[in-house]
């Protein structure tokens, strides 16, 4: 298994319940694909560096997980087509870090 770090930005216009549901959806997606979520950190609402889909703010979430490359690829595929996710990035952490 490899270690990954993912940052995703959720639309700021969602209600609190919808926001928590979107975060739970991403976590469940990772776990259903065989990944183990090791850390989930909610950074909160922040100003974006540039406008994305006519939106200036976003709710940032950082998630660390262990999994196979296929799990990361499936998470990437699903987040690309999710309406509530503005942007995301998945980075593989090096084995010699930490």
N, C-alpha and C. Protein backbone atom coordinates (compact mmCIF):
# COMPACT_ATOMS: atom_id res chain seq x y z
N UNK A 1 0.84 -1.19 0.00
CA UNK A 1 0.00 0.00 0.00
C UNK A 1 0.88 1.24 0.00
N UNK A 2 0.40 2.26 -0.66
CA UNK A 2 1.12 3.53 -0.73
C UNK A 2 0.38 4.58 0.09
N UNK A 3 1.13 5.59 0.50
CA UNK A 3 0.53 6.70 1.25
C UNK A 3 0.22 7.84 0.30
N UNK A 4 -0.96 8.43 0.47
CA UNK A 4 -1.41 9.53 -0.37
C UNK A 4 -1.91 10.67 0.51
N UNK A 5 -1.79 11.88 -0.03
CA UNK A 5 -2.39 13.05 0.58
C UNK A 5 -3.28 13.69 -0.48
N UNK A 6 -4.50 14.00 -0.09
CA UNK A 6 -5.44 14.59 -1.03
C UNK A 6 -6.01 15.87 -0.42
N UNK A 7 -6.07 16.91 -1.24
CA UNK A 7 -6.73 18.15 -0.86
C UNK A 7 -7.89 18.33 -1.82
N UNK A 8 -9.07 18.59 -1.28
CA UNK A 8 -10.20 18.90 -2.15
C UNK A 8 -10.94 20.11 -1.62
N UNK A 9 -11.52 20.86 -2.56
CA UNK A 9 -12.21 22.11 -2.25
C UNK A 9 -13.68 21.92 -2.59
N UNK A 10 -14.53 22.14 -1.60
CA UNK A 10 -15.97 21.97 -1.75
C UNK A 10 -16.62 23.33 -1.95
N UNK A 11 -17.70 23.34 -2.73
CA UNK A 11 -18.44 24.58 -2.98
C UNK A 11 -18.85 25.23 -1.65
N UNK A 12 -18.69 26.55 -1.51
CA UNK A 12 -18.99 27.21 -0.24
C UNK A 12 -20.48 27.46 -0.01
N UNK A 13 -21.29 27.32 -1.04
CA UNK A 13 -22.72 27.62 -0.90
C UNK A 13 -23.54 26.45 -0.37
N UNK A 14 -22.90 25.36 0.02
CA UNK A 14 -23.62 24.21 0.56
C UNK A 14 -23.99 24.46 2.02
N UNK A 15 -25.13 23.92 2.43
CA UNK A 15 -25.53 23.97 3.84
C UNK A 15 -24.59 23.07 4.65
N UNK A 16 -24.60 23.23 5.95
CA UNK A 16 -23.71 22.46 6.83
C UNK A 16 -23.92 20.95 6.66
N UNK A 17 -25.19 20.52 6.56
CA UNK A 17 -25.47 19.09 6.40
C UNK A 17 -24.94 18.57 5.07
N UNK A 18 -25.13 19.34 4.01
CA UNK A 18 -24.64 18.94 2.69
C UNK A 18 -23.12 18.93 2.64
N UNK A 19 -22.50 19.83 3.36
CA UNK A 19 -21.05 19.89 3.43
C UNK A 19 -20.50 18.63 4.11
N UNK A 20 -21.07 18.27 5.25
CA UNK A 20 -20.66 17.06 5.97
C UNK A 20 -20.93 15.81 5.13
N UNK A 21 -22.04 15.82 4.39
CA UNK A 21 -22.37 14.68 3.52
C UNK A 21 -21.34 14.54 2.40
N UNK A 22 -20.88 15.66 1.85
CA UNK A 22 -19.88 15.62 0.78
C UNK A 22 -18.55 15.07 1.30
N UNK A 23 -18.16 15.48 2.51
CA UNK A 23 -16.93 14.97 3.11
C UNK A 23 -17.05 13.48 3.40
N UNK A 24 -18.20 13.08 3.94
CA UNK A 24 -18.44 11.66 4.22
C UNK A 24 -18.45 10.84 2.94
N UNK A 25 -18.98 11.42 1.85
CA UNK A 25 -19.02 10.72 0.57
C UNK A 25 -17.60 10.43 0.07
N UNK A 26 -16.70 11.40 0.19
CA UNK A 26 -15.31 11.21 -0.25
C UNK A 26 -14.63 10.17 0.62
N UNK A 27 -14.84 10.24 1.93
CA UNK A 27 -14.24 9.26 2.84
C UNK A 27 -14.75 7.85 2.53
N UNK A 28 -16.05 7.71 2.36
CA UNK A 28 -16.65 6.41 2.04
C UNK A 28 -16.15 5.89 0.71
N UNK A 29 -16.01 6.77 -0.26
CA UNK A 29 -15.49 6.39 -1.57
C UNK A 29 -14.10 5.78 -1.43
N UNK A 30 -13.25 6.41 -0.63
CA UNK A 30 -11.90 5.89 -0.42
C UNK A 30 -11.95 4.53 0.27
N UNK A 31 -12.76 4.42 1.32
CA UNK A 31 -12.83 3.17 2.07
C UNK A 31 -13.43 2.04 1.25
N UNK A 32 -14.40 2.34 0.41
CA UNK A 32 -15.01 1.31 -0.43
C UNK A 32 -14.06 0.80 -1.51
N UNK A 33 -13.03 1.57 -1.81
CA UNK A 33 -12.03 1.14 -2.80
C UNK A 33 -10.79 0.56 -2.14
N UNK A 34 -10.90 0.18 -0.88
CA UNK A 34 -9.82 -0.51 -0.20
C UNK A 34 -8.79 0.39 0.45
N UNK A 35 -9.03 1.69 0.51
CA UNK A 35 -8.08 2.61 1.13
C UNK A 35 -8.39 2.75 2.62
N UNK A 36 -7.37 3.05 3.39
CA UNK A 36 -7.52 3.28 4.82
C UNK A 36 -7.26 4.77 5.08
N UNK A 37 -8.29 5.48 5.53
CA UNK A 37 -8.15 6.91 5.81
C UNK A 37 -7.43 7.06 7.15
N UNK A 38 -6.28 7.72 7.13
CA UNK A 38 -5.47 7.88 8.34
C UNK A 38 -5.68 9.24 9.00
N UNK A 39 -6.08 10.25 8.22
CA UNK A 39 -6.27 11.59 8.77
C UNK A 39 -7.25 12.36 7.89
N UNK A 40 -8.14 13.09 8.53
CA UNK A 40 -9.08 13.96 7.82
C UNK A 40 -9.09 15.29 8.54
N UNK A 41 -8.65 16.33 7.86
CA UNK A 41 -8.48 17.64 8.48
C UNK A 41 -9.30 18.67 7.69
N UNK A 42 -10.24 19.30 8.38
CA UNK A 42 -11.08 20.33 7.75
C UNK A 42 -10.43 21.69 7.99
N UNK A 43 -9.97 22.32 6.92
CA UNK A 43 -9.33 23.63 7.04
C UNK A 43 -10.35 24.75 7.11
N UNK A 44 -11.52 24.52 6.60
CA UNK A 44 -12.56 25.54 6.64
C UNK A 44 -12.65 26.35 5.36
N UNK A 45 -13.45 27.40 5.43
CA UNK A 45 -13.71 28.24 4.27
C UNK A 45 -12.57 29.25 4.08
N UNK A 46 -12.05 29.29 2.86
CA UNK A 46 -10.94 30.20 2.55
C UNK A 46 -11.15 30.81 1.16
N UNK A 47 -10.48 31.92 0.95
CA UNK A 47 -10.52 32.60 -0.34
C UNK A 47 -9.67 31.83 -1.33
N UNK A 48 -10.17 31.62 -2.54
CA UNK A 48 -9.41 30.95 -3.60
C UNK A 48 -8.41 31.92 -4.23
N UNK A 49 -7.36 31.40 -4.78
CA UNK A 49 -6.35 32.24 -5.44
C UNK A 49 -6.94 32.87 -6.71
N UNK A 50 -7.84 32.16 -7.35
CA UNK A 50 -8.51 32.68 -8.54
C UNK A 50 -9.91 32.08 -8.59
N UNK A 51 -10.76 32.68 -9.36
CA UNK A 51 -12.16 32.27 -9.46
C UNK A 51 -12.28 30.93 -10.18
N UNK A 52 -13.06 30.02 -9.61
CA UNK A 52 -13.33 28.72 -10.22
C UNK A 52 -14.84 28.58 -10.35
N UNK A 53 -15.33 28.40 -11.57
CA UNK A 53 -16.77 28.25 -11.82
C UNK A 53 -17.57 29.38 -11.18
N UNK A 54 -17.08 30.60 -11.30
CA UNK A 54 -17.71 31.82 -10.79
C UNK A 54 -17.81 31.84 -9.27
N UNK A 55 -16.90 31.15 -8.59
CA UNK A 55 -16.90 31.09 -7.13
C UNK A 55 -15.55 31.62 -6.63
N UNK A 56 -15.58 32.46 -5.59
CA UNK A 56 -14.34 33.06 -5.06
C UNK A 56 -13.85 32.39 -3.77
N UNK A 57 -14.71 31.62 -3.08
CA UNK A 57 -14.35 30.97 -1.83
C UNK A 57 -14.57 29.46 -1.96
N UNK A 58 -13.95 28.71 -1.05
CA UNK A 58 -14.16 27.27 -1.04
C UNK A 58 -13.87 26.71 0.34
N UNK A 59 -14.42 25.54 0.62
CA UNK A 59 -14.20 24.86 1.89
C UNK A 59 -13.13 23.80 1.67
N UNK A 60 -11.98 23.99 2.29
CA UNK A 60 -10.82 23.11 2.08
C UNK A 60 -10.83 21.93 3.04
N UNK A 61 -10.51 20.74 2.52
CA UNK A 61 -10.39 19.53 3.33
C UNK A 61 -9.13 18.79 2.88
N UNK A 62 -8.33 18.33 3.86
CA UNK A 62 -7.13 17.53 3.58
C UNK A 62 -7.37 16.14 4.13
N UNK A 63 -7.11 15.13 3.29
CA UNK A 63 -7.31 13.75 3.71
C UNK A 63 -6.06 12.94 3.37
N UNK A 64 -5.52 12.24 4.36
CA UNK A 64 -4.40 11.33 4.15
C UNK A 64 -4.97 9.91 4.16
N UNK A 65 -4.48 9.08 3.24
CA UNK A 65 -4.94 7.70 3.21
C UNK A 65 -3.86 6.78 2.67
N UNK A 66 -3.98 5.50 3.02
CA UNK A 66 -3.12 4.45 2.50
C UNK A 66 -3.96 3.61 1.56
N UNK A 67 -3.40 3.30 0.39
CA UNK A 67 -4.16 2.50 -0.55
C UNK A 67 -3.35 2.14 -1.78
N UNK A 68 -3.97 1.39 -2.63
CA UNK A 68 -3.36 0.98 -3.89
C UNK A 68 -3.55 2.09 -4.93
N UNK A 69 -2.71 2.10 -5.98
CA UNK A 69 -2.87 3.11 -7.04
C UNK A 69 -4.25 3.07 -7.71
N UNK A 70 -4.86 1.90 -7.77
CA UNK A 70 -6.20 1.80 -8.36
C UNK A 70 -7.24 2.57 -7.55
N UNK A 71 -7.09 2.55 -6.22
CA UNK A 71 -8.01 3.29 -5.36
C UNK A 71 -7.87 4.79 -5.59
N UNK A 72 -6.63 5.27 -5.69
CA UNK A 72 -6.40 6.70 -5.95
C UNK A 72 -6.96 7.10 -7.31
N UNK A 73 -6.81 6.22 -8.30
CA UNK A 73 -7.33 6.52 -9.63
C UNK A 73 -8.86 6.58 -9.63
N UNK A 74 -9.51 5.70 -8.88
CA UNK A 74 -10.98 5.71 -8.82
C UNK A 74 -11.49 6.94 -8.07
N UNK A 75 -10.81 7.33 -6.99
CA UNK A 75 -11.19 8.55 -6.26
C UNK A 75 -11.06 9.75 -7.18
N UNK A 76 -9.96 9.83 -7.92
CA UNK A 76 -9.73 10.92 -8.87
C UNK A 76 -10.84 10.97 -9.91
N UNK A 77 -11.22 9.83 -10.45
CA UNK A 77 -12.25 9.76 -11.49
C UNK A 77 -13.59 10.28 -10.97
N UNK A 78 -13.97 9.83 -9.77
CA UNK A 78 -15.28 10.22 -9.22
C UNK A 78 -15.30 11.70 -8.84
N UNK A 79 -14.20 12.21 -8.27
CA UNK A 79 -14.18 13.62 -7.86
C UNK A 79 -14.22 14.56 -9.07
N UNK A 80 -13.69 14.12 -10.20
CA UNK A 80 -13.74 14.95 -11.41
C UNK A 80 -15.16 15.21 -11.87
N UNK A 81 -16.07 14.27 -11.60
CA UNK A 81 -17.45 14.43 -12.08
C UNK A 81 -18.42 14.83 -10.97
N UNK A 82 -17.91 15.09 -9.76
CA UNK A 82 -18.77 15.50 -8.65
C UNK A 82 -19.05 17.00 -8.73
N UNK A 83 -20.31 17.36 -8.62
CA UNK A 83 -20.71 18.76 -8.71
C UNK A 83 -20.29 19.58 -7.51
N UNK A 84 -20.25 18.97 -6.32
CA UNK A 84 -19.93 19.74 -5.12
C UNK A 84 -18.44 19.97 -4.92
N UNK A 85 -17.59 19.27 -5.65
CA UNK A 85 -16.14 19.44 -5.54
C UNK A 85 -15.67 20.40 -6.63
N UNK A 86 -15.05 21.52 -6.21
CA UNK A 86 -14.53 22.50 -7.18
C UNK A 86 -13.20 22.04 -7.77
N UNK A 87 -12.26 21.62 -6.90
CA UNK A 87 -10.94 21.18 -7.32
C UNK A 87 -10.45 20.12 -6.35
N UNK A 88 -9.54 19.29 -6.82
CA UNK A 88 -8.90 18.31 -5.94
C UNK A 88 -7.53 17.95 -6.51
N UNK A 89 -6.68 17.45 -5.64
CA UNK A 89 -5.38 16.96 -6.07
C UNK A 89 -5.00 15.80 -5.13
N UNK A 90 -4.46 14.75 -5.73
CA UNK A 90 -4.00 13.59 -4.96
C UNK A 90 -2.50 13.47 -5.20
N UNK A 91 -1.74 13.44 -4.12
CA UNK A 91 -0.29 13.38 -4.20
C UNK A 91 0.17 12.13 -3.46
N UNK A 92 1.05 11.35 -4.10
CA UNK A 92 1.64 10.19 -3.44
C UNK A 92 2.80 10.67 -2.58
N UNK A 93 2.79 10.29 -1.31
CA UNK A 93 3.88 10.66 -0.42
C UNK A 93 5.03 9.67 -0.61
N UNK A 94 6.26 10.16 -0.52
CA UNK A 94 7.43 9.31 -0.63
C UNK A 94 7.53 8.40 0.58
N UNK A 95 8.09 7.22 0.39
CA UNK A 95 8.21 6.25 1.47
C UNK A 95 9.19 6.71 2.56
N UNK A 96 10.20 7.50 2.19
CA UNK A 96 11.21 7.90 3.16
C UNK A 96 10.82 9.13 3.97
N UNK A 97 9.67 9.75 3.66
CA UNK A 97 9.20 10.90 4.43
C UNK A 97 8.61 10.43 5.76
N UNK A 98 8.61 11.32 6.73
CA UNK A 98 8.00 11.12 8.04
C UNK A 98 8.69 10.01 8.71
